[in-house]
Full PDB file with SEQRES, HELIX, SHEET, SSBOND, CRYST1, ORIGX, SCALE, CONECT and MASTER records, all heavy atoms in Angstrom:
SEQRES   1 A   43  PHE ALA GLY GLN ILE LEU ALA LEU GLN LEU LEU GLN LEU          
SEQRES   2 A   43  VAL THR GLN GLY THR TYR TYR SER SER PHE VAL TYR TYR          
SEQRES   3 A   43  LEU GLY GLY THR PRO GLY LYS LEU LEU LEU GLY CYS ARG          
SEQRES   4 A   43  VAL VAL THR ALA                                              
HELIX    1 AA1 ALA A    2  LEU A   27  1                                  26    
HELIX    2 AA2 PRO A   31  LEU A   35  1                                   5    
CRYST1    1.000    1.000    1.000  90.00  90.00  90.00 P 1           1          
ORIGX1      1.000000  0.000000  0.000000        0.00000                         
ORIGX2      0.000000  1.000000  0.000000        0.00000                         
ORIGX3      0.000000  0.000000  1.000000        0.00000                         
SCALE1      1.000000  0.000000  0.000000        0.00000                         
SCALE2      0.000000  1.000000  0.000000        0.00000                         
SCALE3      0.000000  0.000000  1.000000        0.00000                         
ATOM      1  N   PHE A   1      58.604   6.521  -4.814  1.00  0.00           N  
ATOM      2  CA  PHE A   1      58.287   7.467  -3.610  1.00  0.00           C  
ATOM      3  C   PHE A   1      58.009   8.794  -4.026  1.00  0.00           C  
ATOM      4  O   PHE A   1      57.124   9.497  -3.518  1.00  0.00           O  
ATOM      5  CB  PHE A   1      59.392   7.213  -2.580  1.00  0.00           C  
ATOM      6  CG  PHE A   1      59.196   8.068  -1.350  1.00  0.00           C  
ATOM      7  CD1 PHE A   1      58.314   7.590  -0.338  1.00  0.00           C  
ATOM      8  CD2 PHE A   1      59.803   9.377  -1.146  1.00  0.00           C  
ATOM      9  CE1 PHE A   1      58.095   8.231   0.749  1.00  0.00           C  
ATOM     10  CE2 PHE A   1      59.563  10.032   0.024  1.00  0.00           C  
ATOM     11  CZ  PHE A   1      58.720   9.463   0.939  1.00  0.00           C  
ATOM     12  N   ALA A   2      58.804   9.278  -4.912  1.00  0.00           N  
ATOM     13  CA  ALA A   2      58.724  10.646  -5.422  1.00  0.00           C  
ATOM     14  C   ALA A   2      57.487  10.872  -6.041  1.00  0.00           C  
ATOM     15  O   ALA A   2      56.843  11.856  -6.060  1.00  0.00           O  
ATOM     16  CB  ALA A   2      59.885  11.051  -6.369  1.00  0.00           C  
ATOM     17  N   GLY A   3      56.950   9.858  -6.915  1.00  0.00           N  
ATOM     18  CA  GLY A   3      55.838   9.876  -7.552  1.00  0.00           C  
ATOM     19  C   GLY A   3      54.487  10.035  -6.592  1.00  0.00           C  
ATOM     20  O   GLY A   3      53.588  10.762  -6.808  1.00  0.00           O  
ATOM     21  N   GLN A   4      54.667   9.205  -5.516  1.00  0.00           N  
ATOM     22  CA  GLN A   4      53.613   9.314  -4.474  1.00  0.00           C  
ATOM     23  C   GLN A   4      53.564  10.573  -3.736  1.00  0.00           C  
ATOM     24  O   GLN A   4      52.417  10.968  -3.352  1.00  0.00           O  
ATOM     25  CB  GLN A   4      53.924   8.050  -3.485  1.00  0.00           C  
ATOM     26  CG  GLN A   4      53.676   6.597  -4.039  1.00  0.00           C  
ATOM     27  CD  GLN A   4      54.046   5.591  -3.124  1.00  0.00           C  
ATOM     28  OE1 GLN A   4      54.787   5.825  -2.081  1.00  0.00           O  
ATOM     29  NE2 GLN A   4      53.597   4.387  -3.334  1.00  0.00           N  
ATOM     30  N   ILE A   5      54.685  11.148  -3.457  1.00  0.00           N  
ATOM     31  CA  ILE A   5      54.717  12.540  -2.920  1.00  0.00           C  
ATOM     32  C   ILE A   5      54.086  13.504  -3.863  1.00  0.00           C  
ATOM     33  O   ILE A   5      53.313  14.393  -3.395  1.00  0.00           O  
ATOM     34  CB  ILE A   5      56.133  12.971  -2.608  1.00  0.00           C  
ATOM     35  CG1 ILE A   5      56.689  12.029  -1.397  1.00  0.00           C  
ATOM     36  CG2 ILE A   5      56.245  14.359  -2.183  1.00  0.00           C  
ATOM     37  CD1 ILE A   5      56.055  12.275  -0.105  1.00  0.00           C  
ATOM     38  N   LEU A   6      54.388  13.435  -5.137  1.00  0.00           N  
ATOM     39  CA  LEU A   6      53.845  14.326  -6.096  1.00  0.00           C  
ATOM     40  C   LEU A   6      52.328  14.069  -6.159  1.00  0.00           C  
ATOM     41  O   LEU A   6      51.572  15.169  -6.129  1.00  0.00           O  
ATOM     42  CB  LEU A   6      54.421  14.127  -7.426  1.00  0.00           C  
ATOM     43  CG  LEU A   6      53.813  14.964  -8.576  1.00  0.00           C  
ATOM     44  CD1 LEU A   6      54.070  16.487  -8.258  1.00  0.00           C  
ATOM     45  CD2 LEU A   6      54.568  14.600 -10.014  1.00  0.00           C  
ATOM     46  N   ALA A   7      51.884  12.867  -6.103  1.00  0.00           N  
ATOM     47  CA  ALA A   7      50.427  12.626  -6.163  1.00  0.00           C  
ATOM     48  C   ALA A   7      49.730  13.166  -4.944  1.00  0.00           C  
ATOM     49  O   ALA A   7      48.554  13.736  -4.976  1.00  0.00           O  
ATOM     50  CB  ALA A   7      50.089  11.078  -6.257  1.00  0.00           C  
ATOM     51  N   LEU A   8      50.371  13.045  -3.715  1.00  0.00           N  
ATOM     52  CA  LEU A   8      49.809  13.555  -2.551  1.00  0.00           C  
ATOM     53  C   LEU A   8      49.681  15.072  -2.638  1.00  0.00           C  
ATOM     54  O   LEU A   8      48.668  15.718  -2.155  1.00  0.00           O  
ATOM     55  CB  LEU A   8      50.681  13.211  -1.317  1.00  0.00           C  
ATOM     56  CG  LEU A   8      50.361  13.843  -0.004  1.00  0.00           C  
ATOM     57  CD1 LEU A   8      48.881  13.346   0.391  1.00  0.00           C  
ATOM     58  CD2 LEU A   8      51.277  13.333   1.098  1.00  0.00           C  
ATOM     59  N   GLN A   9      50.836  15.762  -3.150  1.00  0.00           N  
ATOM     60  CA  GLN A   9      50.662  17.192  -3.233  1.00  0.00           C  
ATOM     61  C   GLN A   9      49.658  17.645  -4.188  1.00  0.00           C  
ATOM     62  O   GLN A   9      49.010  18.670  -3.974  1.00  0.00           O  
ATOM     63  CB  GLN A   9      52.025  17.699  -3.738  1.00  0.00           C  
ATOM     64  CG  GLN A   9      53.245  17.662  -2.690  1.00  0.00           C  
ATOM     65  CD  GLN A   9      54.518  18.068  -3.184  1.00  0.00           C  
ATOM     66  OE1 GLN A   9      54.868  18.061  -4.297  1.00  0.00           O  
ATOM     67  NE2 GLN A   9      55.373  18.422  -2.224  1.00  0.00           N  
ATOM     68  N   LEU A  10      49.451  16.926  -5.305  1.00  0.00           N  
ATOM     69  CA  LEU A  10      48.338  17.363  -6.208  1.00  0.00           C  
ATOM     70  C   LEU A  10      46.991  17.134  -5.559  1.00  0.00           C  
ATOM     71  O   LEU A  10      46.046  17.921  -5.737  1.00  0.00           O  
ATOM     72  CB  LEU A  10      48.522  16.404  -7.435  1.00  0.00           C  
ATOM     73  CG  LEU A  10      49.679  16.856  -8.438  1.00  0.00           C  
ATOM     74  CD1 LEU A  10      49.636  15.676  -9.619  1.00  0.00           C  
ATOM     75  CD2 LEU A  10      49.502  18.099  -8.989  1.00  0.00           C  
ATOM     76  N   LEU A  11      46.804  16.003  -4.747  1.00  0.00           N  
ATOM     77  CA  LEU A  11      45.553  15.785  -4.017  1.00  0.00           C  
ATOM     78  C   LEU A  11      45.317  16.967  -3.117  1.00  0.00           C  
ATOM     79  O   LEU A  11      44.215  17.408  -3.033  1.00  0.00           O  
ATOM     80  CB  LEU A  11      45.712  14.423  -3.308  1.00  0.00           C  
ATOM     81  CG  LEU A  11      44.399  14.070  -2.450  1.00  0.00           C  
ATOM     82  CD1 LEU A  11      43.155  14.058  -3.311  1.00  0.00           C  
ATOM     83  CD2 LEU A  11      44.634  12.798  -1.802  1.00  0.00           C  
ATOM     84  N   GLN A  12      46.282  17.392  -2.374  1.00  0.00           N  
ATOM     85  CA  GLN A  12      46.163  18.444  -1.447  1.00  0.00           C  
ATOM     86  C   GLN A  12      45.774  19.718  -2.244  1.00  0.00           C  
ATOM     87  O   GLN A  12      45.081  20.674  -1.692  1.00  0.00           O  
ATOM     88  CB  GLN A  12      47.445  18.595  -0.609  1.00  0.00           C  
ATOM     89  CG  GLN A  12      47.591  17.501   0.374  1.00  0.00           C  
ATOM     90  CD  GLN A  12      48.821  17.549   1.178  1.00  0.00           C  
ATOM     91  OE1 GLN A  12      49.885  18.099   0.751  1.00  0.00           O  
ATOM     92  NE2 GLN A  12      48.813  17.035   2.403  1.00  0.00           N  
ATOM     93  N   LEU A  13      46.444  19.938  -3.274  1.00  0.00           N  
ATOM     94  CA  LEU A  13      46.214  21.170  -3.991  1.00  0.00           C  
ATOM     95  C   LEU A  13      44.810  21.221  -4.628  1.00  0.00           C  
ATOM     96  O   LEU A  13      44.063  22.232  -4.565  1.00  0.00           O  
ATOM     97  CB  LEU A  13      47.284  21.310  -5.266  1.00  0.00           C  
ATOM     98  CG  LEU A  13      47.246  22.491  -6.056  1.00  0.00           C  
ATOM     99  CD1 LEU A  13      47.550  23.767  -5.134  1.00  0.00           C  
ATOM    100  CD2 LEU A  13      47.992  22.419  -7.282  1.00  0.00           C  
ATOM    101  N   VAL A  14      44.315  20.089  -5.053  1.00  0.00           N  
ATOM    102  CA  VAL A  14      42.844  19.921  -5.490  1.00  0.00           C  
ATOM    103  C   VAL A  14      41.941  20.192  -4.427  1.00  0.00           C  
ATOM    104  O   VAL A  14      40.853  20.841  -4.502  1.00  0.00           O  
ATOM    105  CB  VAL A  14      42.586  18.562  -6.182  1.00  0.00           C  
ATOM    106  CG1 VAL A  14      41.183  18.340  -6.444  1.00  0.00           C  
ATOM    107  CG2 VAL A  14      43.380  18.428  -7.510  1.00  0.00           C  
ATOM    108  N   THR A  15      42.292  19.637  -3.202  1.00  0.00           N  
ATOM    109  CA  THR A  15      41.402  19.805  -2.036  1.00  0.00           C  
ATOM    110  C   THR A  15      41.259  21.349  -1.657  1.00  0.00           C  
ATOM    111  O   THR A  15      40.255  21.772  -1.309  1.00  0.00           O  
ATOM    112  CB  THR A  15      41.957  19.110  -0.813  1.00  0.00           C  
ATOM    113  OG1 THR A  15      42.031  17.699  -1.141  1.00  0.00           O  
ATOM    114  CG2 THR A  15      41.149  19.192   0.508  1.00  0.00           C  
ATOM    115  N   GLN A  16      42.491  22.000  -1.614  1.00  0.00           N  
ATOM    116  CA  GLN A  16      42.601  23.329  -1.419  1.00  0.00           C  
ATOM    117  C   GLN A  16      41.700  24.307  -2.402  1.00  0.00           C  
ATOM    118  O   GLN A  16      40.904  25.145  -1.853  1.00  0.00           O  
ATOM    119  CB  GLN A  16      43.944  23.922  -1.319  1.00  0.00           C  
ATOM    120  CG  GLN A  16      44.183  25.378  -1.150  1.00  0.00           C  
ATOM    121  CD  GLN A  16      45.543  25.748  -1.092  1.00  0.00           C  
ATOM    122  OE1 GLN A  16      46.300  25.222  -0.138  1.00  0.00           O  
ATOM    123  NE2 GLN A  16      46.070  26.540  -1.919  1.00  0.00           N  
ATOM    124  N   GLY A  17      41.817  23.860  -3.629  1.00  0.00           N  
ATOM    125  CA  GLY A  17      41.075  24.570  -4.700  1.00  0.00           C  
ATOM    126  C   GLY A  17      39.525  24.380  -4.560  1.00  0.00           C  
ATOM    127  O   GLY A  17      38.786  25.352  -4.789  1.00  0.00           O  
ATOM    128  N   THR A  18      39.168  23.169  -4.302  1.00  0.00           N  
ATOM    129  CA  THR A  18      37.827  22.766  -4.098  1.00  0.00           C  
ATOM    130  C   THR A  18      37.204  23.497  -2.835  1.00  0.00           C  
ATOM    131  O   THR A  18      36.127  23.997  -2.907  1.00  0.00           O  
ATOM    132  CB  THR A  18      37.596  21.308  -3.944  1.00  0.00           C  
ATOM    133  OG1 THR A  18      38.125  20.620  -5.070  1.00  0.00           O  
ATOM    134  CG2 THR A  18      36.127  20.897  -3.732  1.00  0.00           C  
ATOM    135  N   TYR A  19      38.003  23.613  -1.819  1.00  0.00           N  
ATOM    136  CA  TYR A  19      37.612  24.317  -0.558  1.00  0.00           C  
ATOM    137  C   TYR A  19      37.307  25.658  -0.820  1.00  0.00           C  
ATOM    138  O   TYR A  19      36.146  26.264  -0.586  1.00  0.00           O  
ATOM    139  CB  TYR A  19      38.618  24.235   0.421  1.00  0.00           C  
ATOM    140  CG  TYR A  19      38.589  25.012   1.636  1.00  0.00           C  
ATOM    141  CD1 TYR A  19      37.857  24.431   2.762  1.00  0.00           C  
ATOM    142  CD2 TYR A  19      38.961  26.251   1.837  1.00  0.00           C  
ATOM    143  CE1 TYR A  19      37.726  25.125   4.054  1.00  0.00           C  
ATOM    144  CE2 TYR A  19      38.825  27.050   3.068  1.00  0.00           C  
ATOM    145  CZ  TYR A  19      38.191  26.426   4.069  1.00  0.00           C  
ATOM    146  OH  TYR A  19      38.069  27.138   5.233  1.00  0.00           O  
ATOM    147  N   TYR A  20      38.127  26.576  -1.453  1.00  0.00           N  
ATOM    148  CA  TYR A  20      37.963  27.898  -1.714  1.00  0.00           C  
ATOM    149  C   TYR A  20      36.973  28.129  -2.797  1.00  0.00           C  
ATOM    150  O   TYR A  20      36.060  29.020  -2.594  1.00  0.00           O  
ATOM    151  CB  TYR A  20      39.291  28.514  -2.154  1.00  0.00           C  
ATOM    152  CG  TYR A  20      40.198  28.856  -1.037  1.00  0.00           C  
ATOM    153  CD1 TYR A  20      41.370  28.072  -0.944  1.00  0.00           C  
ATOM    154  CD2 TYR A  20      40.108  29.923  -0.189  1.00  0.00           C  
ATOM    155  CE1 TYR A  20      42.256  28.290   0.171  1.00  0.00           C  
ATOM    156  CE2 TYR A  20      40.943  30.077   0.811  1.00  0.00           C  
ATOM    157  CZ  TYR A  20      42.092  29.304   1.091  1.00  0.00           C  
ATOM    158  OH  TYR A  20      42.985  29.515   2.045  1.00  0.00           O  
ATOM    159  N   SER A  21      37.025  27.418  -3.939  1.00  0.00           N  
ATOM    160  CA  SER A  21      36.033  27.638  -4.996  1.00  0.00           C  
ATOM    161  C   SER A  21      34.536  27.299  -4.552  1.00  0.00           C  
ATOM    162  O   SER A  21      33.740  28.172  -4.943  1.00  0.00           O  
ATOM    163  CB  SER A  21      36.504  26.917  -6.237  1.00  0.00           C  
ATOM    164  OG  SER A  21      37.859  27.199  -6.581  1.00  0.00           O  
ATOM    165  N   SER A  22      34.398  26.153  -3.930  1.00  0.00           N  
ATOM    166  CA  SER A  22      33.097  25.743  -3.690  1.00  0.00           C  
ATOM    167  C   SER A  22      32.452  26.538  -2.619  1.00  0.00           C  
ATOM    168  O   SER A  22      31.247  26.995  -2.835  1.00  0.00           O  
ATOM    169  CB  SER A  22      33.039  24.254  -3.151  1.00  0.00           C  
ATOM    170  OG  SER A  22      33.697  23.451  -4.198  1.00  0.00           O  
ATOM    171  N   PHE A  23      33.161  26.885  -1.516  1.00  0.00           N  
ATOM    172  CA  PHE A  23      32.551  27.792  -0.538  1.00  0.00           C  
ATOM    173  C   PHE A  23      32.145  29.175  -1.122  1.00  0.00           C  
ATOM    174  O   PHE A  23      31.109  29.776  -0.714  1.00  0.00           O  
ATOM    175  CB  PHE A  23      33.454  27.872   0.663  1.00  0.00           C  
ATOM    176  CG  PHE A  23      33.382  26.669   1.624  1.00  0.00           C  
ATOM    177  CD1 PHE A  23      34.377  25.850   1.854  1.00  0.00           C  
ATOM    178  CD2 PHE A  23      32.135  26.526   2.261  1.00  0.00           C  
ATOM    179  CE1 PHE A  23      34.276  24.727   2.698  1.00  0.00           C  
ATOM    180  CE2 PHE A  23      32.042  25.446   3.230  1.00  0.00           C  
ATOM    181  CZ  PHE A  23      33.085  24.601   3.360  1.00  0.00           C  
ATOM    182  N   VAL A  24      33.106  29.758  -1.973  1.00  0.00           N  
ATOM    183  CA  VAL A  24      32.849  31.007  -2.533  1.00  0.00           C  
ATOM    184  C   VAL A  24      31.610  30.980  -3.334  1.00  0.00           C  
ATOM    185  O   VAL A  24      30.617  31.811  -3.313  1.00  0.00           O  
ATOM    186  CB  VAL A  24      34.052  31.584  -3.205  1.00  0.00           C  
ATOM    187  CG1 VAL A  24      33.614  32.783  -4.049  1.00  0.00           C  
ATOM    188  CG2 VAL A  24      35.078  31.951  -2.226  1.00  0.00           C  
ATOM    189  N   TYR A  25      31.394  29.904  -4.164  1.00  0.00           N  
ATOM    190  CA  TYR A  25      30.355  29.819  -5.121  1.00  0.00           C  
ATOM    191  C   TYR A  25      28.939  29.555  -4.482  1.00  0.00           C  
ATOM    192  O   TYR A  25      27.995  30.245  -4.751  1.00  0.00           O  
ATOM    193  CB  TYR A  25      30.607  28.617  -6.171  1.00  0.00           C  
ATOM    194  CG  TYR A  25      29.453  28.579  -7.131  1.00  0.00           C  
ATOM    195  CD1 TYR A  25      29.115  29.400  -7.958  1.00  0.00           C  
ATOM    196  CD2 TYR A  25      28.641  27.324  -7.007  1.00  0.00           C  
ATOM    197  CE1 TYR A  25      28.066  29.184  -8.934  1.00  0.00           C  
ATOM    198  CE2 TYR A  25      27.575  27.100  -7.785  1.00  0.00           C  
ATOM    199  CZ  TYR A  25      27.389  28.077  -8.807  1.00  0.00           C  
ATOM    200  OH  TYR A  25      26.309  27.826  -9.644  1.00  0.00           O  
ATOM    201  N   TYR A  26      29.048  28.536  -3.499  1.00  0.00           N  
ATOM    202  CA  TYR A  26      27.830  28.102  -2.961  1.00  0.00           C  
ATOM    203  C   TYR A  26      27.267  29.039  -1.747  1.00  0.00           C  
ATOM    204  O   TYR A  26      26.130  29.240  -1.622  1.00  0.00           O  
ATOM    205  CB  TYR A  26      27.850  26.703  -2.470  1.00  0.00           C  
ATOM    206  CG  TYR A  26      27.837  25.706  -3.583  1.00  0.00           C  
ATOM    207  CD1 TYR A  26      29.127  25.051  -3.864  1.00  0.00           C  
ATOM    208  CD2 TYR A  26      26.683  25.410  -4.414  1.00  0.00           C  
ATOM    209  CE1 TYR A  26      29.054  24.068  -4.990  1.00  0.00           C  
ATOM    210  CE2 TYR A  26      26.818  24.548  -5.411  1.00  0.00           C  
ATOM    211  CZ  TYR A  26      27.932  23.883  -5.681  1.00  0.00           C  
ATOM    212  OH  TYR A  26      27.938  22.954  -6.753  1.00  0.00           O  
ATOM    213  N   LEU A  27      28.300  29.443  -0.946  1.00  0.00           N  
ATOM    214  CA  LEU A  27      27.928  30.241   0.216  1.00  0.00           C  
ATOM    215  C   LEU A  27      28.346  31.717   0.256  1.00  0.00           C  
ATOM    216  O   LEU A  27      28.026  32.474   1.115  1.00  0.00           O  
ATOM    217  CB  LEU A  27      28.485  29.620   1.575  1.00  0.00           C  
ATOM    218  CG  LEU A  27      28.072  28.098   1.850  1.00  0.00           C  
ATOM    219  CD1 LEU A  27      28.663  27.596   3.057  1.00  0.00           C  
ATOM    220  CD2 LEU A  27      26.657  28.035   1.914  1.00  0.00           C  
ATOM    221  N   GLY A  28      29.085  31.987  -0.698  1.00  0.00           N  
ATOM    222  CA  GLY A  28      29.497  33.505  -0.867  1.00  0.00           C  
ATOM    223  C   GLY A  28      30.761  33.807  -0.175  1.00  0.00           C  
ATOM    224  O   GLY A  28      31.301  34.916  -0.219  1.00  0.00           O  
ATOM    225  N   GLY A  29      31.419  32.695   0.411  1.00  0.00           N  
ATOM    226  CA  GLY A  29      32.613  33.003   1.126  1.00  0.00           C  
ATOM    227  C   GLY A  29      33.111  31.765   1.816  1.00  0.00           C  
ATOM    228  O   GLY A  29      32.396  30.811   2.026  1.00  0.00           O  
ATOM    229  N   THR A  30      34.381  31.715   2.107  1.00  0.00           N  
ATOM    230  CA  THR A  30      35.003  30.601   2.769  1.00  0.00           C  
ATOM    231  C   THR A  30      34.558  30.632   4.221  1.00  0.00           C  
ATOM    232  O   THR A  30      34.113  31.679   4.783  1.00  0.00           O  
ATOM    233  CB  THR A  30      36.483  30.669   2.744  1.00  0.00           C  
ATOM    234  OG1 THR A  30      36.879  31.943   3.318  1.00  0.00           O  
ATOM    235  CG2 THR A  30      37.007  30.566   1.280  1.00  0.00           C  
ATOM    236  N   PRO A  31      34.734  29.526   5.005  1.00  0.00           N  
ATOM    237  CA  PRO A  31      34.364  29.483   6.465  1.00  0.00           C  
ATOM    238  C   PRO A  31      34.968  30.729   7.170  1.00  0.00           C  
ATOM    239  O   PRO A  31      34.397  31.353   8.050  1.00  0.00           O  
ATOM    240  CB  PRO A  31      34.775  28.108   6.895  1.00  0.00           C  
ATOM    241  CG  PRO A  31      34.662  27.278   5.690  1.00  0.00           C  
ATOM    242  CD  PRO A  31      35.101  28.188   4.534  1.00  0.00           C  
ATOM    243  N   GLY A  32      36.196  31.074   6.856  1.00  0.00           N  
ATOM    244  CA  GLY A  32      36.921  32.168   7.617  1.00  0.00           C  
ATOM    245  C   GLY A  32      36.175  33.411   7.401  1.00  0.00           C  
ATOM    246  O   GLY A  32      36.021  34.207   8.345  1.00  0.00           O  
ATOM    247  N   LYS A  33      35.933  33.630   6.090  1.00  0.00           N  
ATOM    248  CA  LYS A  33      35.174  34.840   5.824  1.00  0.00           C  
ATOM    249  C   LYS A  33      33.802  34.989   6.428  1.00  0.00           C  
ATOM    250  O   LYS A  33      33.383  35.892   6.970  1.00  0.00           O  
ATOM    251  CB  LYS A  33      35.081  35.039   4.365  1.00  0.00           C  
ATOM    252  CG  LYS A  33      36.567  35.545   3.669  1.00  0.00           C  
ATOM    253  CD  LYS A  33      36.387  35.747   2.311  1.00  0.00           C  
ATOM    254  CE  LYS A  33      37.670  36.205   1.507  1.00  0.00           C  
ATOM    255  NZ  LYS A  33      38.798  35.288   1.665  1.00  0.00           N  
ATOM    256  N   LEU A  34      33.127  33.810   6.313  1.00  0.00           N  
ATOM    257  CA  LEU A  34      31.751  33.846   6.856  1.00  0.00           C  
ATOM    258  C   LEU A  34      31.766  34.035   8.286  1.00  0.00           C  
ATOM    259  O   LEU A  34      30.798  34.659   8.902  1.00  0.00           O  
ATOM    260  CB  LEU A  34      31.108  32.595   6.303  1.00  0.00           C  
ATOM    261  CG  LEU A  34      30.783  32.242   4.886  1.00  0.00           C  
ATOM    262  CD1 LEU A  34      30.309  30.964   4.661  1.00  0.00           C  
ATOM    263  CD2 LEU A  34      30.016  33.345   4.231  1.00  0.00           C  
ATOM    264  N   LEU A  35      32.638  33.395   9.014  1.00  0.00           N  
ATOM    265  CA  LEU A  35      32.721  33.594  10.445  1.00  0.00           C  
ATOM    266  C   LEU A  35      33.032  35.028  10.893  1.00  0.00           C  
ATOM    267  O   LEU A  35      32.458  35.552  11.988  1.00  0.00           O  
ATOM    268  CB  LEU A  35      33.917  32.665  10.943  1.00  0.00           C  
ATOM    269  CG  LEU A  35      33.527  31.154  11.248  1.00  0.00           C  
ATOM    270  CD1 LEU A  35      34.736  30.459  11.592  1.00  0.00           C  
ATOM    271  CD2 LEU A  35      32.459  31.074  12.179  1.00  0.00           C  
ATOM    272  N   LEU A  36      33.704  35.720  10.054  1.00  0.00           N  
ATOM    273  CA  LEU A  36      34.008  37.229  10.374  1.00  0.00           C  
ATOM    274  C   LEU A  36      32.959  38.156   9.625  1.00  0.00           C  
ATOM    275  O   LEU A  36      33.164  39.342   9.618  1.00  0.00           O  
ATOM    276  CB  LEU A  36      35.435  37.543   9.988  1.00  0.00           C  
ATOM    277  CG  LEU A  36      36.446  36.817  10.748  1.00  0.00           C  
ATOM    278  CD1 LEU A  36      37.820  37.220  10.347  1.00  0.00           C  
ATOM    279  CD2 LEU A  36      36.276  37.042  12.258  1.00  0.00           C  
ATOM    280  N   GLY A  37      31.885  37.618   9.073  1.00  0.00           N  
ATOM    281  CA  GLY A  37      30.881  38.425   8.603  1.00  0.00           C  
ATOM    282  C   GLY A  37      31.222  38.983   7.157  1.00  0.00           C  
ATOM    283  O   GLY A  37      30.735  40.125   6.776  1.00  0.00           O  
ATOM    284  N   CYS A  38      31.963  38.179   6.316  1.00  0.00           N  
ATOM    285  CA  CYS A  38      32.381  38.796   5.034  1.00  0.00           C  
ATOM    286  C   CYS A  38      31.880  37.780   3.941  1.00  0.00           C  
ATOM    287  O   CYS A  38      31.592  36.664   4.211  1.00  0.00           O  
ATOM    288  CB  CYS A  38      33.919  38.870   4.956  1.00  0.00           C  
ATOM    289  SG  CYS A  38      34.572  39.901   6.264  1.00  0.00           S  
ATOM    290  N   ARG A  39      31.958  38.269   2.818  1.00  0.00           N  
ATOM    291  CA  ARG A  39      31.593  37.501   1.626  1.00  0.00           C  
ATOM    292  C   ARG A  39      32.259  38.056   0.378  1.00  0.00           C  
ATOM    293  O   ARG A  39      32.564  39.309   0.325  1.00  0.00           O  
ATOM    294  CB  ARG A  39      29.997  37.264   1.388  1.00  0.00           C  
ATOM    295  CG  ARG A  39      29.254  38.578   1.298  1.00  0.00           C  
ATOM    296  CD  ARG A  39      27.776  38.363   1.364  1.00  0.00           C  
ATOM    297  NE  ARG A  39      26.931  39.512   1.320  1.00  0.00           N  
ATOM    298  CZ  ARG A  39      26.382  39.989   0.213  1.00  0.00           C  
ATOM    299  NH1 ARG A  39      26.553  39.347  -0.966  1.00  0.00           N  
ATOM    300  NH2 ARG A  39      25.729  41.049   0.234  1.00  0.00           N  
ATOM    301  N   VAL A  40      32.337  37.205  -0.686  1.00  0.00           N  
ATOM    302  CA  VAL A  40      33.003  37.632  -1.902  1.00  0.00           C  
ATOM    303  C   VAL A  40      32.036  38.008  -3.015  1.00  0.00           C  
ATOM    304  O   VAL A  40      31.212  37.114  -3.124  1.00  0.00           O  
ATOM    305  CB  VAL A  40      33.967  36.629  -2.332  1.00  0.00           C  
ATOM    306  CG1 VAL A  40      34.738  37.108  -3.654  1.00  0.00           C  
ATOM    307  CG2 VAL A  40      34.950  36.152  -1.237  1.00  0.00           C  
ATOM    308  N   VAL A  41      32.078  39.109  -3.555  1.00  0.00           N  
ATOM    309  CA  VAL A  41      31.087  39.485  -4.678  1.00  0.00           C  
ATOM    310  C   VAL A  41      31.804  40.087  -5.831  1.00  0.00           C  
ATOM    311  O   VAL A  41      33.035  40.358  -5.806  1.00  0.00           O  
ATOM    312  CB  VAL A  41      30.060  40.424  -4.024  1.00  0.00           C  
ATOM    313  CG1 VAL A  41      29.236  39.899  -2.993  1.00  0.00           C  
ATOM    314  CG2 VAL A  41      30.822  41.843  -3.594  1.00  0.00           C  
ATOM    315  N   THR A  42      31.117  40.335  -6.857  1.00  0.00           N  
ATOM    316  CA  THR A  42      31.610  41.066  -8.051  1.00  0.00           C  
ATOM    317  C   THR A  42      31.632  42.552  -7.697  1.00  0.00           C  
ATOM    318  O   THR A  42      31.113  43.004  -6.629  1.00  0.00           O  
ATOM    319  CB  THR A  42      30.769  40.871  -9.247  1.00  0.00           C  
ATOM    320  OG1 THR A  42      29.444  41.397  -9.044  1.00  0.00           O  
ATOM    321  CG2 THR A  42      30.618  39.335  -9.646  1.00  0.00           C  
ATOM    322  N   ALA A  43      32.171  43.334  -8.599  1.00  0.00           N  
ATOM    323  CA  ALA A  43      32.228  44.760  -8.400  1.00  0.00           C  
ATOM    324  C   ALA A  43      30.737  45.437  -8.344  1.00  0.00           C  
ATOM    325  O   ALA A  43      30.607  46.525  -7.660  1.00  0.00           O  
ATOM    326  CB  ALA A  43      32.943  45.446  -9.510  1.00  0.00           C  
TER     327      ALA A  43                                                      
MASTER        0    0    0    2    0    0    0    6  326    1    0    4          
END                                                                             
């Protein structure tokens, strides 16, 4: 059961990382940022 909980947490962490990284790379920002008219850029 502890191993399954750990696997679930890792899956959720990967999902979170994919969410932030993919949206920033492909669209310039996460849905929250894009909805408020923001985007992430270099200096």
